[in-house]
Every structure is written in C-alpha cells, then in structure tokens.
C-alpha cells in the first residue's frame, strides 16, 4: 500500500494492503493527520504483531546460533 491508496492497487494487493506493515503504518499516519487517530487500533495491532514476530525470530536465531557455537566448542 504505502503511498498509493488501496483503491488504486490491483485486487490482490488491495486485499492484503492493511495486513502488511507498510500499508498499516501509512494508513495510520493518514488517519492521525486527517481524522484525529480514529480507527487506528487494527493498524497498531498489525504493526505490533510484525514487531513481536521479528523479535521472536531474532531470539530464536540467537538461541540457535549460541547452541551451535557451544556444540562446536565442545567438539
């Protein structure tokens, strides 16, 4: 989505635009500026979900890396 409004996107991208962080963030900023932050709760949930998912993936990656480092040092 981003700078292009969802109504101008092809059908597939229009359907998932608000579920992607770029579309959710830009639409949230638009709603804050023009509509006094009305209706941004869903967009904030999308952004928080992506942030939490990224954090979980980073933690899992660090654990796996440490596991392999410890296994290599024991060998």
PDB file of N, CA and C in Angstrom:
ATOM      1  N   UNK A   1       0.813  -1.192   0.000  1.00  0.00           N
ATOM      2  CA  UNK A   1       0.000   0.000   0.000  1.00  0.00           C
ATOM      3  C   UNK A   1       0.849   1.245   0.000  1.00  0.00           C
ATOM      4  N   UNK A   2       1.383   1.575   1.116  1.00  0.00           N
ATOM      5  CA  UNK A   2       2.254   2.730   1.227  1.00  0.00           C
ATOM      6  C   UNK A   2       1.625   4.017   0.742  1.00  0.00           C
ATOM      7  N   UNK A   3       2.312   4.678  -0.153  1.00  0.00           N
ATOM      8  CA  UNK A   3       1.879   5.985  -0.634  1.00  0.00           C
ATOM      9  C   UNK A   3       0.683   5.904  -1.583  1.00  0.00           C
ATOM     10  N   UNK A   4       0.411   4.725  -2.085  1.00  0.00           N
ATOM     11  CA  UNK A   4      -0.710   4.544  -3.012  1.00  0.00           C
ATOM     12  C   UNK A   4      -1.917   4.042  -2.219  1.00  0.00           C
ATOM     13  N   UNK A   5      -3.031   4.684  -2.389  1.00  0.00           N
ATOM     14  CA  UNK A   5      -4.238   4.264  -1.672  1.00  0.00           C
ATOM     15  C   UNK A   5      -4.667   2.869  -2.122  1.00  0.00           C
ATOM     16  N   UNK A   6      -5.203   2.078  -1.212  1.00  0.00           N
ATOM     17  CA  UNK A   6      -5.604   0.708  -1.564  1.00  0.00           C
ATOM     18  C   UNK A   6      -6.577   0.635  -2.742  1.00  0.00           C
ATOM     19  N   UNK A   7      -7.417   1.623  -2.903  1.00  0.00           N
ATOM     20  CA  UNK A   7      -8.378   1.594  -4.012  1.00  0.00           C
ATOM     21  C   UNK A   7      -7.691   1.635  -5.373  1.00  0.00           C
ATOM     22  N   UNK A   8      -6.463   2.102  -5.436  1.00  0.00           N
ATOM     23  CA  UNK A   8      -5.737   2.190  -6.699  1.00  0.00           C
ATOM     24  C   UNK A   8      -4.832   0.989  -6.959  1.00  0.00           C
ATOM     25  N   UNK A   9      -4.770   0.058  -6.032  1.00  0.00           N
ATOM     26  CA  UNK A   9      -3.922  -1.119  -6.178  1.00  0.00           C
ATOM     27  C   UNK A   9      -4.652  -2.232  -6.925  1.00  0.00           C
ATOM     28  N   UNK A  10      -3.895  -3.173  -7.511  1.00  0.00           N
ATOM     29  CA  UNK A  10      -4.522  -4.352  -8.112  1.00  0.00           C
ATOM     30  C   UNK A  10      -5.267  -5.142  -7.030  1.00  0.00           C
ATOM     31  N   UNK A  11      -6.255  -5.938  -7.416  1.00  0.00           N
ATOM     32  CA  UNK A  11      -7.130  -6.616  -6.445  1.00  0.00           C
ATOM     33  C   UNK A  11      -6.401  -7.408  -5.354  1.00  0.00           C
ATOM     34  N   UNK A  12      -5.375  -8.184  -5.714  1.00  0.00           N
ATOM     35  CA  UNK A  12      -4.674  -8.988  -4.712  1.00  0.00           C
ATOM     36  C   UNK A  12      -4.022  -8.101  -3.662  1.00  0.00           C
ATOM     37  N   UNK A  13      -3.303  -7.082  -4.097  1.00  0.00           N
ATOM     38  CA  UNK A  13      -2.597  -6.191  -3.176  1.00  0.00           C
ATOM     39  C   UNK A  13      -3.574  -5.338  -2.385  1.00  0.00           C
ATOM     40  N   UNK A  14      -4.697  -5.008  -2.966  1.00  0.00           N
ATOM     41  CA  UNK A  14      -5.728  -4.247  -2.256  1.00  0.00           C
ATOM     42  C   UNK A  14      -6.266  -5.052  -1.082  1.00  0.00           C
ATOM     43  N   UNK A  15      -6.424  -6.359  -1.300  1.00  0.00           N
ATOM     44  CA  UNK A  15      -6.989  -7.221  -0.255  1.00  0.00           C
ATOM     45  C   UNK A  15      -6.050  -7.366   0.937  1.00  0.00           C
ATOM     46  N   UNK A  16      -4.744  -7.411   0.696  1.00  0.00           N
ATOM     47  CA  UNK A  16      -3.806  -7.633   1.799  1.00  0.00           C
ATOM     48  C   UNK A  16      -3.095  -6.362   2.249  1.00  0.00           C
ATOM     49  N   UNK A  17      -3.408  -5.246   1.664  1.00  0.00           N
ATOM     50  CA  UNK A  17      -2.695  -3.996   1.958  1.00  0.00           C
ATOM     51  C   UNK A  17      -2.687  -3.643   3.436  1.00  0.00           C
ATOM     52  N   UNK A  18      -3.817  -3.750   4.095  1.00  0.00           N
ATOM     53  CA  UNK A  18      -3.873  -3.346   5.501  1.00  0.00           C
ATOM     54  C   UNK A  18      -3.267  -4.386   6.435  1.00  0.00           C
ATOM     55  N   UNK A  19      -2.974  -5.584   5.923  1.00  0.00           N
ATOM     56  CA  UNK A  19      -2.339  -6.613   6.747  1.00  0.00           C
ATOM     57  C   UNK A  19      -0.818  -6.567   6.658  1.00  0.00           C
ATOM     58  N   UNK A  20      -0.279  -5.703   5.814  1.00  0.00           N
ATOM     59  CA  UNK A  20       1.165  -5.538   5.690  1.00  0.00           C
ATOM     60  C   UNK A  20       1.601  -4.312   6.477  1.00  0.00           C
ATOM     61  N   UNK A  21       2.803  -4.327   7.045  1.00  0.00           N
ATOM     62  CA  UNK A  21       3.216  -3.208   7.907  1.00  0.00           C
ATOM     63  C   UNK A  21       3.302  -1.876   7.170  1.00  0.00           C
ATOM     64  N   UNK A  22       3.705  -1.882   5.912  1.00  0.00           N
ATOM     65  CA  UNK A  22       3.813  -0.630   5.177  1.00  0.00           C
ATOM     66  C   UNK A  22       2.450   0.034   4.994  1.00  0.00           C
ATOM     67  N   UNK A  23       1.478  -0.730   4.553  1.00  0.00           N
ATOM     68  CA  UNK A  23       0.138  -0.191   4.360  1.00  0.00           C
ATOM     69  C   UNK A  23      -0.497   0.235   5.675  1.00  0.00           C
ATOM     70  N   UNK A  24      -0.299  -0.562   6.724  1.00  0.00           N
ATOM     71  CA  UNK A  24      -0.875  -0.243   8.032  1.00  0.00           C
ATOM     72  C   UNK A  24      -0.259   1.032   8.603  1.00  0.00           C
ATOM     73  N   UNK A  25       1.046   1.182   8.462  1.00  0.00           N
ATOM     74  CA  UNK A  25       1.717   2.373   9.005  1.00  0.00           C
ATOM     75  C   UNK A  25       1.296   3.638   8.276  1.00  0.00           C
ATOM     76  N   UNK A  26       1.276   3.582   6.956  1.00  0.00           N
ATOM     77  CA  UNK A  26       0.909   4.777   6.189  1.00  0.00           C
ATOM     78  C   UNK A  26      -0.546   5.147   6.427  1.00  0.00           C
ATOM     79  N   UNK A  27      -1.424   4.150   6.469  1.00  0.00           N
ATOM     80  CA  UNK A  27      -2.835   4.449   6.724  1.00  0.00           C
ATOM     81  C   UNK A  27      -3.030   4.999   8.140  1.00  0.00           C
ATOM     82  N   UNK A  28      -2.249   4.505   9.096  1.00  0.00           N
ATOM     83  CA  UNK A  28      -2.334   5.047  10.464  1.00  0.00           C
ATOM     84  C   UNK A  28      -1.935   6.514  10.496  1.00  0.00           C
ATOM     85  N   UNK A  29      -0.854   6.844   9.821  1.00  0.00           N
ATOM     86  CA  UNK A  29      -0.415   8.249   9.777  1.00  0.00           C
ATOM     87  C   UNK A  29      -1.478   9.112   9.116  1.00  0.00           C
ATOM     88  N   UNK A  30      -2.049   8.614   8.020  1.00  0.00           N
ATOM     89  CA  UNK A  30      -3.131   9.347   7.347  1.00  0.00           C
ATOM     90  C   UNK A  30      -4.306   9.608   8.295  1.00  0.00           C
ATOM     91  N   UNK A  31      -4.688   8.565   9.031  1.00  0.00           N
ATOM     92  CA  UNK A  31      -5.821   8.701   9.947  1.00  0.00           C
ATOM     93  C   UNK A  31      -5.501   9.616  11.123  1.00  0.00           C
ATOM     94  N   UNK A  32      -4.258   9.621  11.575  1.00  0.00           N
ATOM     95  CA  UNK A  32      -3.875  10.527  12.653  1.00  0.00           C
ATOM     96  C   UNK A  32      -3.941  11.971  12.175  1.00  0.00           C
ATOM     97  N   UNK A  33      -3.419  12.223  10.979  1.00  0.00           N
ATOM     98  CA  UNK A  33      -3.383  13.587  10.461  1.00  0.00           C
ATOM     99  C   UNK A  33      -4.776  14.104  10.117  1.00  0.00           C
ATOM    100  N   UNK A  34      -5.552  13.313   9.400  1.00  0.00           N
ATOM    101  CA  UNK A  34      -6.819  13.798   8.877  1.00  0.00           C
ATOM    102  C   UNK A  34      -8.036  13.490   9.737  1.00  0.00           C
ATOM    103  N   UNK A  35      -7.996  12.435  10.525  1.00  0.00           N
ATOM    104  CA  UNK A  35      -9.194  12.012  11.248  1.00  0.00           C
ATOM    105  C   UNK A  35      -9.009  11.935  12.751  1.00  0.00           C
ATOM    106  N   UNK A  36      -7.976  12.558  13.285  1.00  0.00           N
ATOM    107  CA  UNK A  36      -7.775  12.570  14.736  1.00  0.00           C
ATOM    108  C   UNK A  36      -7.531  11.205  15.336  1.00  0.00           C
ATOM    109  N   UNK A  37      -6.840  10.342  14.631  1.00  0.00           N
ATOM    110  CA  UNK A  37      -6.468   8.996  15.088  1.00  0.00           C
ATOM    111  C   UNK A  37      -7.661   8.052  15.237  1.00  0.00           C
ATOM    112  N   UNK A  38      -8.741   8.327  14.571  1.00  0.00           N
ATOM    113  CA  UNK A  38      -9.904   7.439  14.638  1.00  0.00           C
ATOM    114  C   UNK A  38      -9.653   6.181  13.811  1.00  0.00           C
ATOM    115  N   UNK A  39      -9.854   5.038  14.405  1.00  0.00           N
ATOM    116  CA  UNK A  39      -9.781   3.770  13.686  1.00  0.00           C
ATOM    117  C   UNK A  39      -8.383   3.260  13.412  1.00  0.00           C
ATOM    118  N   UNK A  40      -7.411   3.571  14.263  1.00  0.00           N
ATOM    119  CA  UNK A  40      -6.062   3.064  14.015  1.00  0.00           C
ATOM    120  C   UNK A  40      -5.730   1.841  14.858  1.00  0.00           C
ATOM    121  N   UNK A  41      -6.667   1.382  15.671  1.00  0.00           N
ATOM    122  CA  UNK A  41      -6.410   0.236  16.544  1.00  0.00           C
ATOM    123  C   UNK A  41      -6.002  -1.008  15.788  1.00  0.00           C
ATOM    124  N   UNK A  42      -6.693  -1.330  14.720  1.00  0.00           N
ATOM    125  CA  UNK A  42      -6.354  -2.505  13.925  1.00  0.00           C
ATOM    126  C   UNK A  42      -4.984  -2.392  13.285  1.00  0.00           C
ATOM    127  N   UNK A  43      -4.653  -1.198  12.826  1.00  0.00           N
ATOM    128  CA  UNK A  43      -3.344  -0.979  12.213  1.00  0.00           C
ATOM    129  C   UNK A  43      -2.227  -1.111  13.245  1.00  0.00           C
ATOM    130  N   UNK A  44      -2.481  -0.644  14.455  1.00  0.00           N
ATOM    131  CA  UNK A  44      -1.478  -0.776  15.510  1.00  0.00           C
ATOM    132  C   UNK A  44      -1.271  -2.233  15.897  1.00  0.00           C
ATOM    133  N   UNK A  45      -2.338  -3.024  15.841  1.00  0.00           N
ATOM    134  CA  UNK A  45      -2.217  -4.459  16.119  1.00  0.00           C
ATOM    135  C   UNK A  45      -1.354  -5.124  15.042  1.00  0.00           C
ATOM    136  N   UNK A  46      -1.558  -4.740  13.787  1.00  0.00           N
ATOM    137  CA  UNK A  46      -0.736  -5.286  12.696  1.00  0.00           C
ATOM    138  C   UNK A  46       0.733  -4.947  12.923  1.00  0.00           C
ATOM    139  N   UNK A  47       1.023  -3.688  13.227  1.00  0.00           N
ATOM    140  CA  UNK A  47       2.410  -3.261  13.441  1.00  0.00           C
ATOM    141  C   UNK A  47       3.028  -3.960  14.652  1.00  0.00           C
ATOM    142  N   UNK A  48       2.267  -4.079  15.738  1.00  0.00           N
ATOM    143  CA  UNK A  48       2.773  -4.757  16.930  1.00  0.00           C
ATOM    144  C   UNK A  48       3.002  -6.243  16.656  1.00  0.00           C
ATOM    145  N   UNK A  49       2.158  -6.862  15.852  1.00  0.00           N
ATOM    146  CA  UNK A  49       2.321  -8.279  15.513  1.00  0.00           C
ATOM    147  C   UNK A  49       3.599  -8.506  14.720  1.00  0.00           C
ATOM    148  N   UNK A  50       3.870  -7.642  13.746  1.00  0.00           N
ATOM    149  CA  UNK A  50       5.100  -7.772  12.974  1.00  0.00           C
ATOM    150  C   UNK A  50       6.321  -7.530  13.854  1.00  0.00           C
ATOM    151  N   UNK A  51       6.248  -6.562  14.763  1.00  0.00           N
ATOM    152  CA  UNK A  51       7.369  -6.294  15.674  1.00  0.00           C
ATOM    153  C   UNK A  51       7.594  -7.489  16.595  1.00  0.00           C
ATOM    154  N   UNK A  52       6.535  -8.051  17.148  1.00  0.00           N
ATOM    155  CA  UNK A  52       6.663  -9.210  18.034  1.00  0.00           C
ATOM    156  C   UNK A  52       7.191 -10.418  17.264  1.00  0.00           C
ATOM    157  N   UNK A  53       6.696 -10.629  16.059  1.00  0.00           N
ATOM    158  CA  UNK A  53       7.183 -11.734  15.233  1.00  0.00           C
ATOM    159  C   UNK A  53       8.666 -11.590  14.917  1.00  0.00           C
ATOM    160  N   UNK A  54       9.097 -10.381  14.583  1.00  0.00           N
ATOM    161  CA  UNK A  54      10.508 -10.150  14.318  1.00  0.00           C
ATOM    162  C   UNK A  54      11.369 -10.381  15.543  1.00  0.00           C
ATOM    163  N   UNK A  55      10.879  -9.958  16.697  1.00  0.00           N
ATOM    164  CA  UNK A  55      11.610 -10.168  17.942  1.00  0.00           C
ATOM    165  C   UNK A  55      11.726 -11.659  18.262  1.00  0.00           C
ATOM    166  N   UNK A  56      10.656 -12.398  18.085  1.00  0.00           N
ATOM    167  CA  UNK A  56      10.675 -13.844  18.337  1.00  0.00           C
ATOM    168  C   UNK A  56      11.654 -14.537  17.401  1.00  0.00           C
ATOM    169  N   UNK A  57      11.636 -14.165  16.138  1.00  0.00           N
ATOM    170  CA  UNK A  57      12.560 -14.767  15.168  1.00  0.00           C
ATOM    171  C   UNK A  57      14.005 -14.437  15.531  1.00  0.00           C
ATOM    172  N   UNK A  58      14.267 -13.195  15.950  1.00  0.00           N
ATOM    173  CA  UNK A  58      15.627 -12.810  16.344  1.00  0.00           C
ATOM    174  C   UNK A  58      16.089 -13.591  17.573  1.00  0.00           C
ATOM    175  N   UNK A  59      15.220 -13.776  18.543  1.00  0.00           N
ATOM    176  CA  UNK A  59      15.581 -14.531  19.749  1.00  0.00           C
ATOM    177  C   UNK A  59      15.846 -15.996  19.409  1.00  0.00           C
ATOM    178  N   UNK A  60      14.992 -16.586  18.587  1.00  0.00           N
ATOM    179  CA  UNK A  60      15.198 -17.977  18.180  1.00  0.00           C
ATOM    180  C   UNK A  60      16.517 -18.113  17.423  1.00  0.00           C
ATOM    181  N   UNK A  61      16.810 -17.171  16.543  1.00  0.00           N
ATOM    182  CA  UNK A  61      18.074 -17.201  15.809  1.00  0.00           C
ATOM    183  C   UNK A  61      19.271 -17.100  16.730  1.00  0.00           C
ATOM    184  N   UNK A  62      19.195 -16.246  17.739  1.00  0.00           N
ATOM    185  CA  UNK A  62      20.297 -16.104  18.697  1.00  0.00           C
ATOM    186  C   UNK A  62      20.481 -17.381  19.512  1.00  0.00           C
ATOM    187  N   UNK A  63      19.374 -18.015  19.893  1.00  0.00           N
ATOM    188  CA  UNK A  63      19.459 -19.269  20.657  1.00  0.00           C
ATOM    189  C   UNK A  63      20.084 -20.365  19.805  1.00  0.00           C
ATOM    190  N   UNK A  64      19.661 -20.474  18.566  1.00  0.00           N
ATOM    191  CA  UNK A  64      20.218 -21.499  17.672  1.00  0.00           C
ATOM    192  C   UNK A  64      21.699 -21.244  17.434  1.00  0.00           C
ATOM    193  N   UNK A  65      22.069 -19.997  17.201  1.00  0.00           N
ATOM    194  CA  UNK A  65      23.468 -19.663  16.978  1.00  0.00           C
ATOM    195  C   UNK A  65      24.314 -20.013  18.206  1.00  0.00           C
ATOM    196  N   UNK A  66      23.826 -19.687  19.385  1.00  0.00           N
ATOM    197  CA  UNK A  66      24.554 -19.999  20.615  1.00  0.00           C
ATOM    198  C   UNK A  66      24.659 -21.504  20.811  1.00  0.00           C
ATOM    199  N   UNK A  67      23.591 -22.235  20.487  1.00  0.00           N
ATOM    200  CA  UNK A  67      23.612 -23.694  20.616  1.00  0.00           C
ATOM    201  C   UNK A  67      24.698 -24.286  19.732  1.00  0.00           C
ATOM    202  N   UNK A  68      24.773 -23.863  18.466  1.00  0.00           N
ATOM    203  CA  UNK A  68      25.781 -24.387  17.557  1.00  0.00           C
ATOM    204  C   UNK A  68      27.185 -23.947  17.962  1.00  0.00           C
ATOM    205  N   UNK A  69      27.319 -22.734  18.495  1.00  0.00           N
ATOM    206  CA  UNK A  69      28.628 -22.264  18.959  1.00  0.00           C
ATOM    207  C   UNK A  69      29.094 -23.113  20.136  1.00  0.00           C
ATOM    208  N   UNK A  70      28.181 -23.407  21.086  1.00  0.00           N
ATOM    209  CA  UNK A  70      28.541 -24.247  22.232  1.00  0.00           C
ATOM    210  C   UNK A  70      28.880 -25.673  21.792  1.00  0.00           C
ATOM    211  N   UNK A  71      28.123 -26.206  20.842  1.00  0.00           N
ATOM    212  CA  UNK A  71      28.371 -27.562  20.347  1.00  0.00           C
ATOM    213  C   UNK A  71      29.721 -27.631  19.639  1.00  0.00           C
ATOM    214  N   UNK A  72      30.094 -26.584  18.906  1.00  0.00           N
ATOM    215  CA  UNK A  72      31.362 -26.557  18.198  1.00  0.00           C
ATOM    216  C   UNK A  72      32.530 -26.446  19.175  1.00  0.00           C
ATOM    217  N   UNK A  73      32.339 -25.697  20.264  1.00  0.00           N
ATOM    218  CA  UNK A  73      33.440 -25.532  21.222  1.00  0.00           C
ATOM    219  C   UNK A  73      33.664 -26.802  22.033  1.00  0.00           C
ATOM    220  N   UNK A  74      32.636 -27.632  22.191  1.00  0.00           N
ATOM    221  CA  UNK A  74      32.780 -28.902  22.918  1.00  0.00           C
ATOM    222  C   UNK A  74      33.472 -29.955  22.057  1.00  0.00           C
ATOM    223  N   UNK A  75      33.392 -29.816  20.754  1.00  0.00           N
ATOM    224  CA  UNK A  75      33.934 -30.853  19.863  1.00  0.00           C
ATOM    225  C   UNK A  75      35.430 -30.767  19.686  1.00  0.00           C
TER     226      UNK A  75
END
